[in-house]
Amino acid sequence: MPSDKKMHVANASKMVDLVGYQEGAIVSKTIIDRKAGTVTLFAFDEKQGLSEHTAPYDALVYLLEGEAEITISSKAIFIKEGEMIILPAHKPHALKATKRFKMLLTMIRS
């Protein structure tokens, strides 16, 4: 296991500090990547987003800071720091930063 992954097992960390913003970009950092699922941190600069797509698994999005517009099956939902939403498997969804935001994405593959 690479040393940076061991760091999170042995030490307490503030999730919001583990990924930084980059101007005009989306930054991601995988925290856990296992057969059963993944946990990934993202930082979206303002106006950045992910175009509509589907995933074969349910995913939980938790906003660590900022604000986002999440569209699920053509329905726009606005979430802010401290809120979460579930992205259902096989349903089209998209994300857009209304303000720059950081999120934790947990995807379960079963």
Protein backbone atom coordinates (compact mmCIF):
# COMPACT_ATOMS: atom_id res chain seq x y z
CA MET A 1 0.00 0.00 0.00
CA PRO A 2 1.47 3.43 -0.91
CA SER A 3 2.53 5.53 2.06
CA ASP A 4 -0.04 8.28 1.37
CA LYS A 5 -2.88 5.75 1.83
CA LYS A 6 -1.42 4.55 5.15
CA MET A 7 -1.49 8.15 6.42
CA HIS A 8 -5.30 8.15 6.53
CA VAL A 9 -5.48 4.86 8.43
CA ALA A 10 -3.14 5.93 11.24
CA ASN A 11 -3.92 9.65 11.53
CA ALA A 12 -7.03 11.76 11.94
CA SER A 13 -7.61 14.15 9.04
CA LYS A 14 -10.06 16.89 8.15
CA MET A 15 -11.63 15.74 4.89
CA VAL A 16 -12.12 19.27 3.64
CA ASP A 17 -8.34 19.84 3.81
CA LEU A 18 -7.36 16.71 1.83
CA VAL A 19 -8.22 18.17 -1.58
CA GLY A 20 -7.61 21.71 -2.84
CA TYR A 21 -9.21 23.95 -5.43
CA GLN A 22 -7.57 24.61 -8.77
CA GLU A 23 -8.70 27.58 -10.87
CA GLY A 24 -11.00 26.52 -13.70
CA ALA A 25 -10.76 22.84 -12.85
CA ILE A 26 -12.09 19.86 -10.94
CA VAL A 27 -9.65 18.13 -8.60
CA SER A 28 -10.21 14.64 -7.19
CA LYS A 29 -8.46 12.47 -4.65
CA THR A 30 -9.35 8.81 -4.08
CA ILE A 31 -9.38 7.92 -0.40
CA ILE A 32 -10.56 4.29 -0.66
CA ASP A 33 -10.72 2.12 -3.78
CA ARG A 34 -11.92 -1.41 -3.12
CA LYS A 35 -13.95 -4.06 -4.93
CA ALA A 36 -16.94 -3.15 -2.72
CA GLY A 37 -16.81 0.57 -3.53
CA THR A 38 -14.92 3.85 -3.59
CA VAL A 39 -14.65 6.99 -1.50
CA THR A 40 -13.42 10.03 -3.42
CA LEU A 41 -13.02 13.70 -2.53
CA PHE A 42 -13.66 16.36 -5.18
CA ALA A 43 -13.04 20.11 -5.35
CA PHE A 44 -15.00 21.94 -8.09
CA ASP A 45 -14.05 25.49 -8.96
CA GLU A 46 -16.98 27.85 -9.58
CA LYS A 47 -18.91 27.09 -12.80
CA GLN A 48 -17.16 23.72 -13.24
CA GLY A 49 -19.21 20.56 -13.47
CA LEU A 50 -19.72 17.05 -14.74
CA SER A 51 -21.98 16.60 -17.74
CA GLU A 52 -24.95 14.27 -17.58
CA HIS A 53 -24.01 10.61 -17.21
CA THR A 54 -25.19 7.43 -15.49
CA ALA A 55 -23.47 5.03 -13.12
CA PRO A 56 -24.25 1.37 -12.51
CA TYR A 57 -24.25 1.86 -8.72
CA ASP A 58 -25.90 4.10 -6.14
CA ALA A 59 -23.70 6.95 -4.93
CA LEU A 60 -23.90 9.25 -1.93
CA VAL A 61 -22.75 12.86 -2.34
CA TYR A 62 -21.98 14.88 0.80
CA LEU A 63 -21.04 18.57 0.43
CA LEU A 64 -18.16 19.55 2.70
CA GLU A 65 -18.32 23.23 1.68
CA GLY A 66 -19.82 25.47 -0.99
CA GLU A 67 -22.94 25.04 -3.12
CA ALA A 68 -23.86 22.81 -6.04
CA GLU A 69 -26.66 22.17 -8.48
CA ILE A 70 -27.22 18.45 -8.95
CA THR A 71 -29.59 17.31 -11.66
CA ILE A 72 -31.11 13.83 -11.42
CA SER A 73 -33.39 12.66 -14.23
CA SER A 74 -33.82 16.29 -15.41
CA LYS A 75 -34.77 17.57 -11.91
CA ALA A 76 -32.42 20.26 -10.52
CA ILE A 77 -31.68 20.08 -6.79
CA PHE A 78 -29.56 22.70 -5.02
CA ILE A 79 -27.47 21.54 -2.08
CA LYS A 80 -25.06 23.33 0.22
CA GLU A 81 -22.45 22.60 2.85
CA GLY A 82 -23.52 19.90 5.28
CA GLU A 83 -26.19 18.44 2.99
CA MET A 84 -26.19 15.13 1.13
CA ILE A 85 -28.03 13.51 -1.71
CA ILE A 86 -28.18 10.00 -3.16
CA LEU A 87 -27.60 9.52 -6.88
CA PRO A 88 -29.59 6.42 -7.83
CA ALA A 89 -28.01 3.78 -10.06
CA HIS A 90 -28.89 3.98 -13.76
CA LYS A 91 -30.50 7.45 -13.44
CA PRO A 92 -28.92 10.26 -15.48
CA HIS A 93 -27.30 12.91 -13.30
CA ALA A 94 -25.03 15.95 -13.62
CA LEU A 95 -23.24 18.30 -11.21
CA LYS A 96 -22.45 22.00 -11.48
CA ALA A 97 -20.72 24.37 -9.06
CA THR A 98 -22.99 27.36 -8.39
CA LYS A 99 -20.22 28.37 -5.97
CA ARG A 100 -17.01 26.43 -5.71
CA PHE A 101 -17.54 23.35 -3.58
CA LYS A 102 -15.91 20.27 -2.11
CA MET A 103 -17.73 16.97 -1.88
CA LEU A 104 -17.25 13.45 -0.66
CA LEU A 105 -18.52 10.82 -3.11
CA THR A 106 -19.15 7.33 -1.78
CA MET A 107 -20.05 4.69 -4.36
CA ILE A 108 -21.16 1.24 -3.28
CA ARG A 109 -20.73 -1.52 -5.87
CA SER A 110 -23.24 -4.14 -4.79
